[in-house]
Amino acid sequence: MDSKQKMSYDAGVAKGQTQEKASTMMDKAGGAAQAAMGTMQSAGQTVQKSAAGAVETVKKATGITK
């Protein structure tokens, strides 16, 4: 293999490795985003339940039936 062929081969190898690393990083970022979204949804549901409980408490304390 002459020098030009070796440089071309090495460039191809480097490109393939870079693409693989980028793909792995994107997969990890996607997983982190999914986990964060699940956490935020859970937190939102907790807040919603707390607010509903607070509304019921106020209704009972003030005698509101609706």
Protein backbone atom coordinates (compact mmCIF):
# COMPACT_ATOMS: atom_id res chain seq x y z
CA MET A 1 0.00 0.00 0.00
CA ASP A 2 1.54 3.32 -1.00
CA SER A 3 1.50 6.47 1.11
CA LYS A 4 -1.56 7.97 -0.61
CA GLN A 5 -3.59 4.77 -0.18
CA LYS A 6 -2.58 4.52 3.48
CA MET A 7 -3.63 8.12 4.14
CA SER A 8 -6.97 7.46 2.45
CA TYR A 9 -7.47 4.26 4.44
CA ASP A 10 -6.57 5.99 7.72
CA ALA A 11 -8.97 8.83 6.92
CA GLY A 12 -11.75 6.31 6.29
CA VAL A 13 -11.05 4.54 9.56
CA ALA A 14 -11.07 7.85 11.46
CA LYS A 15 -14.35 8.84 9.79
CA GLY A 16 -15.96 5.53 10.73
CA GLN A 17 -14.79 5.82 14.33
CA THR A 18 -16.08 9.40 14.55
CA GLN A 19 -19.47 8.39 13.18
CA GLU A 20 -19.73 5.54 15.67
CA LYS A 21 -18.83 7.80 18.60
CA ALA A 22 -21.35 10.40 17.45
CA SER A 23 -24.04 7.74 17.16
CA THR A 24 -23.29 6.46 20.66
CA MET A 25 -23.41 9.97 22.09
CA MET A 26 -26.74 10.67 20.38
CA ASP A 27 -28.18 7.43 21.77
CA LYS A 28 -27.06 8.40 25.28
CA ALA A 29 -28.48 11.90 24.89
CA GLY A 30 -31.79 10.47 23.70
CA GLY A 31 -31.93 8.14 26.69
CA ALA A 32 -31.19 11.01 29.07
CA ALA A 33 -33.91 13.11 27.46
CA GLN A 34 -36.45 10.30 27.81
CA ALA A 35 -35.53 9.84 31.47
CA ALA A 36 -35.83 13.57 32.12
CA MET A 37 -39.21 13.68 30.43
CA GLY A 38 -40.45 10.81 32.59
CA THR A 39 -39.21 12.55 35.72
CA MET A 40 -40.92 15.80 34.73
CA GLN A 41 -44.19 14.02 33.98
CA SER A 42 -44.08 12.33 37.36
CA ALA A 43 -43.35 15.61 39.11
CA GLY A 44 -46.21 17.27 37.23
CA GLN A 45 -48.63 14.55 38.31
CA THR A 46 -47.51 14.93 41.91
CA VAL A 47 -48.08 18.69 41.80
CA GLN A 48 -51.47 18.18 40.18
CA LYS A 49 -52.53 15.74 42.90
CA SER A 50 -51.31 18.10 45.62
CA ALA A 51 -53.23 21.00 44.10
CA ALA A 52 -56.39 18.90 43.86
CA GLY A 53 -55.99 17.93 47.51
CA ALA A 54 -55.55 21.55 48.49
CA VAL A 55 -58.71 22.51 46.60
CA GLU A 56 -60.69 19.81 48.40
CA THR A 57 -59.34 20.98 51.75
CA VAL A 58 -60.41 24.57 51.03
CA LYS A 59 -63.84 23.38 49.87
CA LYS A 60 -64.36 21.43 53.08
CA ALA A 61 -63.12 24.30 55.24
CA THR A 62 -65.41 26.83 53.56
CA GLY A 63 -68.41 24.55 53.15
CA ILE A 64 -68.35 24.66 49.35
CA THR A 65 -69.94 21.53 47.92
CA LYS A 66 -69.24 21.95 44.19
